Amino acid sequence: MKQEAAKVLKAGRYIAEITEAHEATSKAGNPMMVVKLLVEDEDGRQHMMTDYIVATAARLQKLAAATGQDTGEGKEIEAEACVGKTVNVQTYVQEAQGEYGPKAAVKSYSALASGQTSQAPQSATEKQDLPF
């Protein structure tokens, strides 16, 4: 599915909710984690992002730390422990590749700062349930 350039999340720092995370194997046969995120931009538009993180990537350690997991030596990172957590994401726009247009991608993860609101984006159904 192609994304139109106008609808691509701009590069920047956003608060995101991790809606799904599971372990998988890359096409090259390497272990990885697939993370689905709900991000809301400054105009209130919601963006679903999928991040494919190879197990050896430093980004996986940053994700674990951002979700409060112990990242010490020999500690295993649990995909299920990421689900429902709210984190900061630094995004960039990945250039068009072949038949696919440009898309937003995660550059880095970090924990919410002290005093930073953990208000995650509301899903479309949650917004509809508001009484006003």
Protein backbone atom coordinates (compact mmCIF):
# COMPACT_ATOMS: atom_id res chain seq x y z
CA MET A 1 0.00 0.00 0.00
CA LYS A 2 1.43 3.38 -0.98
CA GLN A 3 1.43 6.38 1.33
CA GLU A 4 0.92 9.79 -0.20
CA ALA A 5 3.69 12.26 0.60
CA ALA A 6 1.18 14.70 2.14
CA LYS A 7 0.03 12.05 4.63
CA VAL A 8 3.47 10.94 5.79
CA LEU A 9 4.24 11.82 9.41
CA LYS A 10 6.86 14.57 9.43
CA ALA A 11 10.26 13.92 10.96
CA GLY A 12 10.25 14.90 14.62
CA ARG A 13 9.74 13.83 18.21
CA TYR A 14 6.35 12.42 19.19
CA ILE A 15 4.63 10.58 22.02
CA ALA A 16 3.55 7.12 20.85
CA GLU A 17 1.59 4.23 22.29
CA ILE A 18 2.86 0.73 21.56
CA THR A 19 -0.23 -1.16 20.45
CA GLU A 20 1.41 -4.45 19.49
CA ALA A 21 4.82 -6.10 19.75
CA HIS A 22 5.95 -9.59 18.88
CA GLU A 23 9.07 -11.54 18.01
CA ALA A 24 9.64 -12.60 14.41
CA THR A 25 12.37 -13.65 12.00
CA SER A 26 13.70 -11.30 9.31
CA LYS A 27 13.95 -12.32 5.64
CA ALA A 28 17.68 -12.84 6.27
CA GLY A 29 16.86 -15.28 9.09
CA ASN A 30 17.77 -12.97 11.98
CA PRO A 31 15.64 -12.63 15.12
CA MET A 32 13.77 -9.34 15.30
CA MET A 33 10.91 -7.58 17.06
CA VAL A 34 7.96 -6.10 15.19
CA VAL A 35 6.51 -3.08 17.01
CA LYS A 36 3.27 -1.30 16.05
CA LEU A 37 2.83 2.27 17.27
CA LEU A 38 0.01 4.80 17.33
CA VAL A 39 1.37 8.33 16.89
CA GLU A 40 -0.62 11.56 16.81
CA ASP A 41 0.82 14.52 14.94
CA GLU A 42 0.54 18.20 15.89
CA ASP A 43 -2.68 18.49 13.84
CA GLY A 44 -4.36 15.64 15.72
CA ARG A 45 -4.08 13.14 12.83
CA GLN A 46 -3.27 9.61 13.87
CA HIS A 47 -0.56 7.57 12.20
CA MET A 48 0.01 3.84 12.60
CA MET A 49 3.66 2.92 12.25
CA THR A 50 5.35 -0.47 12.17
CA ASP A 51 8.97 -0.73 13.26
CA TYR A 52 11.03 -3.82 12.41
CA ILE A 53 13.97 -4.02 14.83
CA VAL A 54 16.69 -6.64 14.30
CA ALA A 55 17.72 -8.12 17.65
CA THR A 56 21.27 -6.77 17.38
CA ALA A 57 20.17 -3.15 16.84
CA ALA A 58 20.89 -0.57 19.54
CA ARG A 59 17.34 0.69 18.89
CA LEU A 60 16.04 -2.49 20.58
CA GLN A 61 17.98 -1.66 23.75
CA LYS A 62 16.55 1.88 23.69
CA LEU A 63 13.03 0.49 23.27
CA ALA A 64 13.53 -1.83 26.25
CA ALA A 65 14.85 1.01 28.42
CA ALA A 66 12.00 3.31 27.33
CA THR A 67 9.45 0.68 28.39
CA GLY A 68 11.09 0.17 31.80
CA GLN A 69 12.70 -3.20 31.14
CA ASP A 70 16.01 -4.21 32.70
CA THR A 71 18.56 -3.97 29.90
CA GLY A 72 21.48 -5.39 31.86
CA GLU A 73 23.84 -7.98 30.43
CA GLY A 74 22.15 -11.31 29.79
CA LYS A 75 18.65 -9.87 30.22
CA GLU A 76 16.10 -10.83 27.59
CA ILE A 77 13.85 -8.15 26.15
CA GLU A 78 10.18 -9.13 26.34
CA ALA A 79 7.95 -8.05 23.44
CA GLU A 80 4.78 -8.44 25.52
CA ALA A 81 6.15 -6.06 28.17
CA CYS A 82 6.20 -3.27 25.56
CA VAL A 83 2.48 -3.43 24.70
CA GLY A 84 0.42 -0.60 26.16
CA LYS A 85 3.47 1.49 27.06
CA THR A 86 3.77 5.13 26.06
CA VAL A 87 7.18 6.29 24.84
CA ASN A 88 8.88 9.09 22.96
CA VAL A 89 9.84 8.33 19.37
CA GLN A 90 12.20 10.24 17.12
CA THR A 91 11.06 9.78 13.53
CA TYR A 92 12.49 10.46 10.09
CA VAL A 93 11.09 10.17 6.58
CA GLN A 94 12.42 7.17 4.69
CA GLU A 95 12.86 7.86 0.97
CA ALA A 96 10.66 6.17 -1.61
CA GLN A 97 11.84 2.68 -2.56
CA GLY A 98 10.73 1.12 -5.83
CA GLU A 99 6.96 1.15 -6.08
CA TYR A 100 6.55 2.33 -2.48
CA GLY A 101 6.41 6.01 -1.64
CA PRO A 102 8.15 7.72 1.27
CA LYS A 103 7.14 6.68 4.78
CA ALA A 104 7.78 7.66 8.37
CA ALA A 105 10.21 5.43 10.27
CA VAL A 106 11.45 5.28 13.86
CA LYS A 107 14.99 6.50 14.42
CA SER A 108 15.08 6.15 18.21
CA TYR A 109 13.05 5.49 21.36
CA SER A 110 13.26 7.13 24.78
CA ALA A 111 11.29 7.13 28.01
CA LEU A 112 8.91 9.95 28.79
CA ALA A 113 10.66 12.73 30.67
CA SER A 114 9.77 13.51 34.25
CA GLY A 115 6.62 15.62 34.20
CA GLN A 116 5.93 14.85 30.53
CA THR A 117 2.32 13.90 29.97
CA SER A 118 1.84 10.24 29.20
CA GLN A 119 -1.39 11.03 27.37
CA ALA A 120 -1.22 8.61 24.48
CA PRO A 121 -3.17 9.29 21.31
CA GLN A 122 -6.81 8.25 21.52
CA SER A 123 -8.02 5.75 19.00
CA ALA A 124 -10.81 6.84 16.67
CA THR A 125 -13.37 4.79 18.62
CA GLU A 126 -12.31 6.36 21.93
CA LYS A 127 -12.76 9.83 20.42
CA GLN A 128 -16.28 8.92 19.31
CA ASP A 129 -17.24 7.91 22.85
CA LEU A 130 -16.65 11.41 24.26
CA PRO A 131 -19.90 12.96 25.56
CA PHE A 132 -19.13 16.41 24.10
